[in-house]
């Protein structure tokens, strides 16, 4: 089984005309991806059709794969007024947009954390039906503020909609639970066997992102996340998958710690993701050699 690493473009936005802002142009992005062993990028699907065409052209010119990121509620924090029907309309439109751009699959940040369980189950049943009808894989990301903000809610949803596939960004569950989920009663197996894609960020009990994953004071948190990723890889290998995908996803927007008063970041986000990419590559190579 091969590991494909994708570069997160979080904090490296794409302007309406298809040009990149906040990190350089597409030629630079492609060169940096190739230099660091990334086969593609994971980024928001633009809403504008012209921007989608420009994105497709840029990706093709640089030979980059693409994972489309979609928020069914409009943004990271879903619009609280939107109904289930509006979320589903957004998803249906985004699936077609992702297909047009040439996405490998759609990483979906789904629903709203405030919905009751019956509404969550209804939403996911209909969302999975949309994915099935389209033939496009929709991988539903566990993320705060979405329907999958909690491991316990997610496990309840799985019990009723077992065909769902997920993106594992376990850092969110760690901060929501305020602990690493390493108690013997924290059985995440029904979730882990359904993970399609991994986002490699290390969370800790008081936040979704450690200041630096190489710091010895966070070694236990790193080891727990890596153990969970190994369980995902084992499921993928047992299922006969030829490729497993990982996106290192250390990000800005309050995730990277800032010094008080100056707001200077304690680490460079791109350096964090490059470190995570190399560490994950080495980790996967070591894991692959085990019986």
C-alpha atoms as a PDB file:
ATOM      1  CA  UNK A   1       0.000   0.000   0.000  1.00  0.00           C
ATOM      2  CA  UNK A   2       1.269   3.442  -0.935  1.00  0.00           C
ATOM      3  CA  UNK A   3       1.066   6.610   1.149  1.00  0.00           C
ATOM      4  CA  UNK A   4      -0.027   9.739  -0.759  1.00  0.00           C
ATOM      5  CA  UNK A   5       0.621  12.989   1.097  1.00  0.00           C
ATOM      6  CA  UNK A   6      -1.451  16.073   0.277  1.00  0.00           C
ATOM      7  CA  UNK A   7      -0.563  19.652   1.110  1.00  0.00           C
ATOM      8  CA  UNK A   8      -3.195  21.691   2.946  1.00  0.00           C
ATOM      9  CA  UNK A   9      -3.765  25.112   1.394  1.00  0.00           C
ATOM     10  CA  UNK A  10      -5.389  26.402   4.584  1.00  0.00           C
ATOM     11  CA  UNK A  11      -3.963  29.905   4.951  1.00  0.00           C
ATOM     12  CA  UNK A  12      -2.854  29.917   1.308  1.00  0.00           C
ATOM     13  CA  UNK A  13      -6.095  31.089  -0.267  1.00  0.00           C
ATOM     14  CA  UNK A  14      -6.991  31.040  -3.933  1.00  0.00           C
ATOM     15  CA  UNK A  15      -8.274  34.302  -5.375  1.00  0.00           C
ATOM     16  CA  UNK A  16     -11.332  34.486  -7.610  1.00  0.00           C
ATOM     17  CA  UNK A  17      -9.238  34.531 -10.759  1.00  0.00           C
ATOM     18  CA  UNK A  18      -7.445  31.345  -9.806  1.00  0.00           C
ATOM     19  CA  UNK A  19      -4.282  33.084  -8.621  1.00  0.00           C
ATOM     20  CA  UNK A  20      -2.930  32.112  -5.232  1.00  0.00           C
ATOM     21  CA  UNK A  21      -2.662  34.608  -2.405  1.00  0.00           C
ATOM     22  CA  UNK A  22      -0.983  34.412   0.948  1.00  0.00           C
ATOM     23  CA  UNK A  23       1.709  31.960  -0.129  1.00  0.00           C
ATOM     24  CA  UNK A  24       2.827  32.551  -3.701  1.00  0.00           C
ATOM     25  CA  UNK A  25       1.677  31.526  -7.147  1.00  0.00           C
ATOM     26  CA  UNK A  26       0.754  28.100  -8.444  1.00  0.00           C
ATOM     27  CA  UNK A  27       4.213  27.469  -9.927  1.00  0.00           C
ATOM     28  CA  UNK A  28       5.704  28.026  -6.479  1.00  0.00           C
ATOM     29  CA  UNK A  29       3.057  25.819  -4.881  1.00  0.00           C
ATOM     30  CA  UNK A  30       3.774  23.018  -7.336  1.00  0.00           C
ATOM     31  CA  UNK A  31       7.521  23.299  -6.839  1.00  0.00           C
ATOM     32  CA  UNK A  32       7.147  23.219  -3.050  1.00  0.00           C
ATOM     33  CA  UNK A  33       4.843  20.198  -3.254  1.00  0.00           C
ATOM     34  CA  UNK A  34       7.269  18.270  -5.415  1.00  0.00           C
ATOM     35  CA  UNK A  35      10.224  19.259  -3.235  1.00  0.00           C
ATOM     36  CA  UNK A  36       8.470  17.969  -0.112  1.00  0.00           C
ATOM     37  CA  UNK A  37       6.863  14.850  -1.551  1.00  0.00           C
ATOM     38  CA  UNK A  38       3.234  16.015  -1.767  1.00  0.00           C
ATOM     39  CA  UNK A  39       1.258  14.532  -4.653  1.00  0.00           C
ATOM     40  CA  UNK A  40      -1.477  17.171  -4.515  1.00  0.00           C
ATOM     41  CA  UNK A  41      -3.322  19.740  -2.453  1.00  0.00           C
ATOM     42  CA  UNK A  42      -6.336  19.759  -0.163  1.00  0.00           C
ATOM     43  CA  UNK A  43      -8.230  23.037  -0.426  1.00  0.00           C
ATOM     44  CA  UNK A  44     -11.657  24.623  -0.378  1.00  0.00           C
ATOM     45  CA  UNK A  45     -13.722  24.230  -3.499  1.00  0.00           C
ATOM     46  CA  UNK A  46     -14.260  27.742  -4.905  1.00  0.00           C
ATOM     47  CA  UNK A  47     -17.891  28.822  -5.126  1.00  0.00           C
ATOM     48  CA  UNK A  48     -17.442  30.734  -8.371  1.00  0.00           C
ATOM     49  CA  UNK A  49     -17.542  28.619 -11.575  1.00  0.00           C
ATOM     50  CA  UNK A  50     -14.824  30.750 -13.190  1.00  0.00           C
ATOM     51  CA  UNK A  51     -12.549  30.178 -10.184  1.00  0.00           C
ATOM     52  CA  UNK A  52     -13.236  26.442 -10.388  1.00  0.00           C
ATOM     53  CA  UNK A  53     -12.125  26.363 -14.022  1.00  0.00           C
ATOM     54  CA  UNK A  54      -9.010  28.347 -13.127  1.00  0.00           C
ATOM     55  CA  UNK A  55      -8.265  25.940 -10.284  1.00  0.00           C
ATOM     56  CA  UNK A  56      -8.631  22.940 -12.586  1.00  0.00           C
ATOM     57  CA  UNK A  57      -6.249  24.518 -15.085  1.00  0.00           C
ATOM     58  CA  UNK A  58      -3.686  25.352 -12.394  1.00  0.00           C
ATOM     59  CA  UNK A  59      -3.793  21.855 -10.919  1.00  0.00           C
ATOM     60  CA  UNK A  60      -3.370  20.256 -14.329  1.00  0.00           C
ATOM     61  CA  UNK A  61      -0.497  22.554 -15.273  1.00  0.00           C
ATOM     62  CA  UNK A  62       1.372  21.647 -12.082  1.00  0.00           C
ATOM     63  CA  UNK A  63       0.426  17.961 -12.136  1.00  0.00           C
ATOM     64  CA  UNK A  64      -1.212  18.127  -8.723  1.00  0.00           C
ATOM     65  CA  UNK A  65      -3.988  15.938  -7.377  1.00  0.00           C
ATOM     66  CA  UNK A  66      -6.855  17.569  -5.536  1.00  0.00           C
ATOM     67  CA  UNK A  67      -9.004  16.880  -2.486  1.00  0.00           C
ATOM     68  CA  UNK A  68     -11.984  19.255  -2.450  1.00  0.00           C
ATOM     69  CA  UNK A  69     -12.997  20.753   0.900  1.00  0.00           C
ATOM     70  CA  UNK A  70     -16.680  21.632   1.263  1.00  0.00           C
ATOM     71  CA  UNK A  71     -18.624  23.189   4.158  1.00  0.00           C
ATOM     72  CA  UNK A  72     -22.284  22.224   3.871  1.00  0.00           C
ATOM     73  CA  UNK A  73     -23.249  25.110   6.166  1.00  0.00           C
ATOM     74  CA  UNK A  74     -21.412  27.716   4.110  1.00  0.00           C
ATOM     75  CA  UNK A  75     -18.298  28.112   6.273  1.00  0.00           C
ATOM     76  CA  UNK A  76     -16.350  26.672   9.206  1.00  0.00           C
ATOM     77  CA  UNK A  77     -19.067  27.863  11.561  1.00  0.00           C
ATOM     78  CA  UNK A  78     -22.284  26.851   9.810  1.00  0.00           C
ATOM     79  CA  UNK A  79     -24.963  29.433   9.195  1.00  0.00           C
ATOM     80  CA  UNK A  80     -27.308  28.747  12.082  1.00  0.00           C
ATOM     81  CA  UNK A  81     -30.369  29.553   9.987  1.00  0.00           C
ATOM     82  CA  UNK A  82     -29.716  26.948   7.320  1.00  0.00           C
ATOM     83  CA  UNK A  83     -31.996  23.927   7.237  1.00  0.00           C
ATOM     84  CA  UNK A  84     -31.047  20.344   6.498  1.00  0.00           C
ATOM     85  CA  UNK A  85     -32.391  20.854   2.982  1.00  0.00           C
ATOM     86  CA  UNK A  86     -30.095  23.843   2.443  1.00  0.00           C
ATOM     87  CA  UNK A  87     -27.079  21.854   3.645  1.00  0.00           C
ATOM     88  CA  UNK A  88     -27.976  19.058   1.246  1.00  0.00           C
ATOM     89  CA  UNK A  89     -28.431  21.478  -1.647  1.00  0.00           C
ATOM     90  CA  UNK A  90     -24.990  22.878  -0.935  1.00  0.00           C
ATOM     91  CA  UNK A  91     -23.505  19.386  -0.852  1.00  0.00           C
ATOM     92  CA  UNK A  92     -25.157  18.320  -4.103  1.00  0.00           C
ATOM     93  CA  UNK A  93     -23.871  21.418  -5.908  1.00  0.00           C
ATOM     94  CA  UNK A  94     -20.401  20.976  -4.435  1.00  0.00           C
ATOM     95  CA  UNK A  95     -20.155  17.341  -5.484  1.00  0.00           C
ATOM     96  CA  UNK A  96     -20.699  18.346  -9.101  1.00  0.00           C
ATOM     97  CA  UNK A  97     -18.249  21.215  -8.748  1.00  0.00           C
ATOM     98  CA  UNK A  98     -15.617  18.899  -7.294  1.00  0.00           C
ATOM     99  CA  UNK A  99     -16.149  16.465 -10.149  1.00  0.00           C
ATOM    100  CA  UNK A 100     -15.640  19.270 -12.667  1.00  0.00           C
ATOM    101  CA  UNK A 101     -12.361  20.315 -11.041  1.00  0.00           C
ATOM    102  CA  UNK A 102     -11.205  16.690 -10.992  1.00  0.00           C
ATOM    103  CA  UNK A 103     -11.142  16.026  -7.249  1.00  0.00           C
ATOM    104  CA  UNK A 104     -10.020  12.625  -6.036  1.00  0.00           C
ATOM    105  CA  UNK A 105     -12.771  12.844  -3.423  1.00  0.00           C
ATOM    106  CA  UNK A 106     -14.736  15.416  -1.422  1.00  0.00           C
ATOM    107  CA  UNK A 107     -13.796  16.168   2.169  1.00  0.00           C
ATOM    108  CA  UNK A 108     -17.083  17.331   3.682  1.00  0.00           C
ATOM    109  CA  UNK A 109     -17.449  19.377   6.869  1.00  0.00           C
ATOM    110  CA  UNK A 110     -21.063  18.425   7.486  1.00  0.00           C
ATOM    111  CA  UNK A 111     -24.125  19.769   9.211  1.00  0.00           C
ATOM    112  CA  UNK A 112     -24.474  21.671  12.463  1.00  0.00           C
ATOM    113  CA  UNK A 113     -23.614  20.698  16.029  1.00  0.00           C
ATOM    114  CA  UNK A 114     -26.888  22.099  17.382  1.00  0.00           C
ATOM    115  CA  UNK A 115     -29.168  19.662  15.547  1.00  0.00           C
ATOM    116  CA  UNK A 116     -30.776  16.895  17.636  1.00  0.00           C
ATOM    117  CA  UNK A 117     -29.715  13.324  16.920  1.00  0.00           C
ATOM    118  CA  UNK A 118     -32.776  12.458  14.828  1.00  0.00           C
ATOM    119  CA  UNK A 119     -32.037  15.413  12.564  1.00  0.00           C
ATOM    120  CA  UNK A 120     -28.376  14.407  12.328  1.00  0.00           C
ATOM    121  CA  UNK A 121     -29.315  10.890  11.266  1.00  0.00           C
ATOM    122  CA  UNK A 122     -31.763  12.192   8.666  1.00  0.00           C
ATOM    123  CA  UNK A 123     -29.123  14.537   7.268  1.00  0.00           C
ATOM    124  CA  UNK A 124     -26.416  11.888   6.995  1.00  0.00           C
ATOM    125  CA  UNK A 125     -28.723   9.319   5.461  1.00  0.00           C
ATOM    126  CA  UNK A 126     -29.671  11.763   2.721  1.00  0.00           C
ATOM    127  CA  UNK A 127     -26.096  13.034   2.327  1.00  0.00           C
ATOM    128  CA  UNK A 128     -24.795   9.505   1.818  1.00  0.00           C
ATOM    129  CA  UNK A 129     -27.548   8.898  -0.733  1.00  0.00           C
ATOM    130  CA  UNK A 130     -26.316  11.957  -2.672  1.00  0.00           C
ATOM    131  CA  UNK A 131     -22.771  10.623  -2.609  1.00  0.00           C
ATOM    132  CA  UNK A 132     -23.912   7.164  -3.724  1.00  0.00           C
ATOM    133  CA  UNK A 133     -25.942   8.572  -6.606  1.00  0.00           C
ATOM    134  CA  UNK A 134     -23.040  10.723  -7.780  1.00  0.00           C
ATOM    135  CA  UNK A 135     -20.396   8.014  -7.609  1.00  0.00           C
ATOM    136  CA  UNK A 136     -18.110  10.507  -5.837  1.00  0.00           C
ATOM    137  CA  UNK A 137     -16.615   9.536  -2.494  1.00  0.00           C
ATOM    138  CA  UNK A 138     -17.683  11.927   0.265  1.00  0.00           C
ATOM    139  CA  UNK A 139     -15.493  11.667   3.346  1.00  0.00           C
ATOM    140  CA  UNK A 140     -17.169  13.379   6.295  1.00  0.00           C
ATOM    141  CA  UNK A 141     -14.707  15.206   8.514  1.00  0.00           C
ATOM    142  CA  UNK A 142     -14.943  15.177  12.289  1.00  0.00           C
ATOM    143  CA  UNK A 143     -14.718  18.844  13.265  1.00  0.00           C
ATOM    144  CA  UNK A 144     -15.954  21.146  16.002  1.00  0.00           C
ATOM    145  CA  UNK A 145     -19.129  23.126  15.189  1.00  0.00           C
ATOM    146  CA  UNK A 146     -20.254  20.431  12.726  1.00  0.00           C
ATOM    147  CA  UNK A 147     -22.518  17.443  13.250  1.00  0.00           C
ATOM    148  CA  UNK A 148     -19.435  15.324  14.024  1.00  0.00           C
ATOM    149  CA  UNK A 149     -18.019  17.498  16.796  1.00  0.00           C
ATOM    150  CA  UNK A 150     -18.239  14.706  19.386  1.00  0.00           C
ATOM    151  CA  UNK A 151     -17.025  11.100  19.295  1.00  0.00           C
ATOM    152  CA  UNK A 152     -20.154   9.968  21.113  1.00  0.00           C
ATOM    153  CA  UNK A 153     -22.569  11.692  18.720  1.00  0.00           C
ATOM    154  CA  UNK A 154     -20.582  10.298  15.788  1.00  0.00           C
ATOM    155  CA  UNK A 155     -20.789   6.756  17.147  1.00  0.00           C
ATOM    156  CA  UNK A 156     -24.558   7.179  17.566  1.00  0.00           C
ATOM    157  CA  UNK A 157     -24.824   8.337  13.947  1.00  0.00           C
ATOM    158  CA  UNK A 158     -22.715   5.413  12.724  1.00  0.00           C
ATOM    159  CA  UNK A 159     -25.046   2.959  14.463  1.00  0.00           C
ATOM    160  CA  UNK A 160     -27.882   4.221  12.272  1.00  0.00           C
ATOM    161  CA  UNK A 161     -26.017   5.169   9.063  1.00  0.00           C
ATOM    162  CA  UNK A 162     -23.221   2.581   8.898  1.00  0.00           C
ATOM    163  CA  UNK A 163     -22.188   3.255   5.278  1.00  0.00           C
ATOM    164  CA  UNK A 164     -20.632   6.620   6.102  1.00  0.00           C
ATOM    165  CA  UNK A 165     -16.937   7.227   5.471  1.00  0.00           C
ATOM    166  CA  UNK A 166     -14.915   9.735   7.461  1.00  0.00           C
ATOM    167  CA  UNK A 167     -11.946  12.057   7.554  1.00  0.00           C
ATOM    168  CA  UNK A 168     -10.097  11.617  10.843  1.00  0.00           C
ATOM    169  CA  UNK A 169      -8.922  14.908  12.305  1.00  0.00           C
ATOM    170  CA  UNK A 170      -8.786  13.499  15.801  1.00  0.00           C
ATOM    171  CA  UNK A 171      -7.407  16.704  17.291  1.00  0.00           C
ATOM    172  CA  UNK A 172     -10.967  18.061  17.409  1.00  0.00           C
ATOM    173  CA  UNK A 173     -12.248  15.196  19.511  1.00  0.00           C
ATOM    174  CA  UNK A 174      -9.292  15.507  21.878  1.00  0.00           C
ATOM    175  CA  UNK A 175     -10.070  19.121  22.698  1.00  0.00           C
ATOM    176  CA  UNK A 176     -13.845  18.530  22.864  1.00  0.00           C
ATOM    177  CA  UNK A 177     -13.297  15.623  25.281  1.00  0.00           C
ATOM    178  CA  UNK A 178     -10.492  17.517  27.066  1.00  0.00           C
ATOM    179  CA  UNK A 179      -8.325  14.400  27.033  1.00  0.00           C
ATOM    180  CA  UNK A 180      -6.667  11.891  24.815  1.00  0.00           C
ATOM    181  CA  UNK A 181      -9.210   9.168  24.162  1.00  0.00           C
ATOM    182  CA  UNK A 182      -7.036   6.415  25.583  1.00  0.00           C
ATOM    183  CA  UNK A 183      -9.245   5.076  28.363  1.00  0.00           C
ATOM    184  CA  UNK A 184     -10.102   1.376  27.892  1.00  0.00           C
ATOM    185  CA  UNK A 185     -13.752   2.422  27.565  1.00  0.00           C
ATOM    186  CA  UNK A 186     -12.972   4.823  24.694  1.00  0.00           C
ATOM    187  CA  UNK A 187     -13.615   2.320  21.922  1.00  0.00           C
ATOM    188  CA  UNK A 188     -13.450   4.222  18.647  1.00  0.00           C
ATOM    189  CA  UNK A 189     -13.330   1.056  16.531  1.00  0.00           C
ATOM    190  CA  UNK A 190     -16.670   1.622  14.722  1.00  0.00           C
ATOM    191  CA  UNK A 191     -15.308   4.985  13.602  1.00  0.00           C
ATOM    192  CA  UNK A 192     -11.728   3.952  12.811  1.00  0.00           C
ATOM    193  CA  UNK A 193     -12.788   1.108  10.510  1.00  0.00           C
ATOM    194  CA  UNK A 194     -14.745   3.658   8.453  1.00  0.00           C
ATOM    195  CA  UNK A 195     -12.012   6.298   8.095  1.00  0.00           C
ATOM    196  CA  UNK A 196     -11.279   7.113   4.466  1.00  0.00           C
ATOM    197  CA  UNK A 197      -8.712   9.896   4.915  1.00  0.00           C
ATOM    198  CA  UNK A 198      -6.447  11.194   7.693  1.00  0.00           C
ATOM    199  CA  UNK A 199      -5.651  14.793   8.521  1.00  0.00           C
ATOM    200  CA  UNK A 200      -2.424  14.740  10.507  1.00  0.00           C
ATOM    201  CA  UNK A 201      -2.588  17.400  13.168  1.00  0.00           C
ATOM    202  CA  UNK A 202      -1.728  16.747  16.803  1.00  0.00           C
ATOM    203  CA  UNK A 203      -4.189  18.025  19.370  1.00  0.00           C
ATOM    204  CA  UNK A 204      -3.903  18.047  23.141  1.00  0.00           C
ATOM    205  CA  UNK A 205      -6.306  18.296  26.056  1.00  0.00           C
ATOM    206  CA  UNK A 206      -6.561  22.095  25.943  1.00  0.00           C
ATOM    207  CA  UNK A 207      -6.398  22.757  22.220  1.00  0.00           C
ATOM    208  CA  UNK A 208      -6.649  21.382  18.676  1.00  0.00           C
ATOM    209  CA  UNK A 209      -2.986  22.035  17.849  1.00  0.00           C
ATOM    210  CA  UNK A 210       0.159  21.603  19.919  1.00  0.00           C
ATOM    211  CA  UNK A 211       2.703  24.430  19.583  1.00  0.00           C
ATOM    212  CA  UNK A 212       5.105  22.011  17.870  1.00  0.00           C
ATOM    213  CA  UNK A 213       4.634  18.235  17.463  1.00  0.00           C
ATOM    214  CA  UNK A 214       8.384  17.631  17.904  1.00  0.00           C
ATOM    215  CA  UNK A 215       8.397  19.162  21.398  1.00  0.00           C
ATOM    216  CA  UNK A 216       9.088  16.466  24.025  1.00  0.00           C
ATOM    217  CA  UNK A 217       6.323  17.738  26.292  1.00  0.00           C
ATOM    218  CA  UNK A 218       3.816  16.682  23.610  1.00  0.00           C
ATOM    219  CA  UNK A 219       5.396  13.311  22.817  1.00  0.00           C
ATOM    220  CA  UNK A 220       2.520  11.407  24.440  1.00  0.00           C
ATOM    221  CA  UNK A 221      -0.072  13.291  22.369  1.00  0.00           C
ATOM    222  CA  UNK A 222       1.888  12.648  19.166  1.00  0.00           C
ATOM    223  CA  UNK A 223       2.217   8.957  19.986  1.00  0.00           C
ATOM    224  CA  UNK A 224      -1.530   8.607  20.606  1.00  0.00           C
ATOM    225  CA  UNK A 225      -2.432  10.226  17.280  1.00  0.00           C
ATOM    226  CA  UNK A 226       0.115   8.088  15.455  1.00  0.00           C
ATOM    227  CA  UNK A 227      -1.318   4.946  17.050  1.00  0.00           C
ATOM    228  CA  UNK A 228      -4.771   5.895  15.763  1.00  0.00           C
ATOM    229  CA  UNK A 229      -3.386   6.514  12.271  1.00  0.00           C
ATOM    230  CA  UNK A 230      -1.756   3.094  12.343  1.00  0.00           C
ATOM    231  CA  UNK A 231      -5.140   1.521  13.061  1.00  0.00           C
ATOM    232  CA  UNK A 232      -6.573   3.321  10.018  1.00  0.00           C
ATOM    233  CA  UNK A 233      -3.685   2.168   7.832  1.00  0.00           C
ATOM    234  CA  UNK A 234      -4.153  -1.397   9.047  1.00  0.00           C
ATOM    235  CA  UNK A 235      -7.827  -1.283   8.025  1.00  0.00           C
ATOM    236  CA  UNK A 236      -6.899   0.107   4.610  1.00  0.00           C
ATOM    237  CA  UNK A 237      -4.274  -2.563   4.044  1.00  0.00           C
ATOM    238  CA  UNK A 238      -6.634  -5.332   5.144  1.00  0.00           C
ATOM    239  CA  UNK A 239      -9.280  -3.978   2.757  1.00  0.00           C
ATOM    240  CA  UNK A 240      -6.808  -4.206  -0.130  1.00  0.00           C
ATOM    241  CA  UNK A 241      -6.495  -0.489  -0.735  1.00  0.00           C
ATOM    242  CA  UNK A 242      -3.586   0.412  -2.975  1.00  0.00           C
ATOM    243  CA  UNK A 243      -3.306   3.953  -1.596  1.00  0.00           C
ATOM    244  CA  UNK A 244      -3.942   5.641   1.732  1.00  0.00           C
ATOM    245  CA  UNK A 245      -4.030   9.435   1.960  1.00  0.00           C
ATOM    246  CA  UNK A 246      -2.805  11.842   4.642  1.00  0.00           C
ATOM    247  CA  UNK A 247      -2.869  15.645   4.772  1.00  0.00           C
ATOM    248  CA  UNK A 248      -0.688  17.295   7.419  1.00  0.00           C
ATOM    249  CA  UNK A 249      -2.937  20.125   8.595  1.00  0.00           C
ATOM    250  CA  UNK A 250      -1.290  22.462  11.052  1.00  0.00           C
ATOM    251  CA  UNK A 251      -2.893  25.811  10.418  1.00  0.00           C
ATOM    252  CA  UNK A 252      -3.190  29.499  11.241  1.00  0.00           C
ATOM    253  CA  UNK A 253      -6.401  31.239  12.438  1.00  0.00           C
ATOM    254  CA  UNK A 254      -5.625  30.824  16.131  1.00  0.00           C
ATOM    255  CA  UNK A 255      -4.371  27.250  15.785  1.00  0.00           C
ATOM    256  CA  UNK A 256      -0.687  28.207  15.650  1.00  0.00           C
ATOM    257  CA  UNK A 257       0.097  29.647  19.076  1.00  0.00           C
ATOM    258  CA  UNK A 258       0.841  33.387  19.208  1.00  0.00           C
ATOM    259  CA  UNK A 259       2.927  35.314  21.691  1.00  0.00           C
ATOM    260  CA  UNK A 260       0.940  37.847  23.738  1.00  0.00           C
ATOM    261  CA  UNK A 261       1.079  41.517  22.762  1.00  0.00           C
ATOM    262  CA  UNK A 262       3.142  41.005  19.578  1.00  0.00           C
ATOM    263  CA  UNK A 263       0.992  38.133  18.221  1.00  0.00           C
ATOM    264  CA  UNK A 264       4.145  36.656  16.725  1.00  0.00           C
ATOM    265  CA  UNK A 265       3.665  32.961  15.883  1.00  0.00           C
ATOM    266  CA  UNK A 266       5.702  30.515  17.948  1.00  0.00           C
ATOM    267  CA  UNK A 267       6.351  28.404  14.833  1.00  0.00           C
ATOM    268  CA  UNK A 268       6.046  28.684  11.057  1.00  0.00           C
ATOM    269  CA  UNK A 269       2.957  26.834   9.804  1.00  0.00           C
ATOM    270  CA  UNK A 270       4.622  25.606   6.626  1.00  0.00           C
ATOM    271  CA  UNK A 271       7.573  24.296   8.639  1.00  0.00           C
ATOM    272  CA  UNK A 272       5.158  22.471  10.962  1.00  0.00           C
ATOM    273  CA  UNK A 273       3.437  20.791   8.022  1.00  0.00           C
ATOM    274  CA  UNK A 274       6.713  19.855   6.357  1.00  0.00           C
ATOM    275  CA  UNK A 275       7.912  18.311   9.631  1.00  0.00           C
ATOM    276  CA  UNK A 276       4.630  16.417   9.965  1.00  0.00           C
ATOM    277  CA  UNK A 277       4.866  15.217   6.359  1.00  0.00           C
ATOM    278  CA  UNK A 278       8.394  13.852   6.751  1.00  0.00           C
ATOM    279  CA  UNK A 279       7.638  12.326  10.130  1.00  0.00           C
ATOM    280  CA  UNK A 280       4.499  10.649   8.756  1.00  0.00           C
ATOM    281  CA  UNK A 281       6.396   9.391   5.730  1.00  0.00           C
ATOM    282  CA  UNK A 282       9.039   7.830   7.993  1.00  0.00           C
ATOM    283  CA  UNK A 283       6.375   6.504  10.362  1.00  0.00           C
ATOM    284  CA  UNK A 284       4.452   4.867   7.506  1.00  0.00           C
ATOM    285  CA  UNK A 285       7.628   3.310   6.089  1.00  0.00           C
ATOM    286  CA  UNK A 286       8.481   1.803   9.487  1.00  0.00           C
ATOM    287  CA  UNK A 287       4.918   0.628  10.038  1.00  0.00           C
ATOM    288  CA  UNK A 288       4.785  -0.962   6.566  1.00  0.00           C
ATOM    289  CA  UNK A 289       7.705  -3.231   7.421  1.00  0.00           C
ATOM    290  CA  UNK A 290       5.945  -4.739  10.411  1.00  0.00           C
ATOM    291  CA  UNK A 291       4.324  -8.155  10.010  1.00  0.00           C
END
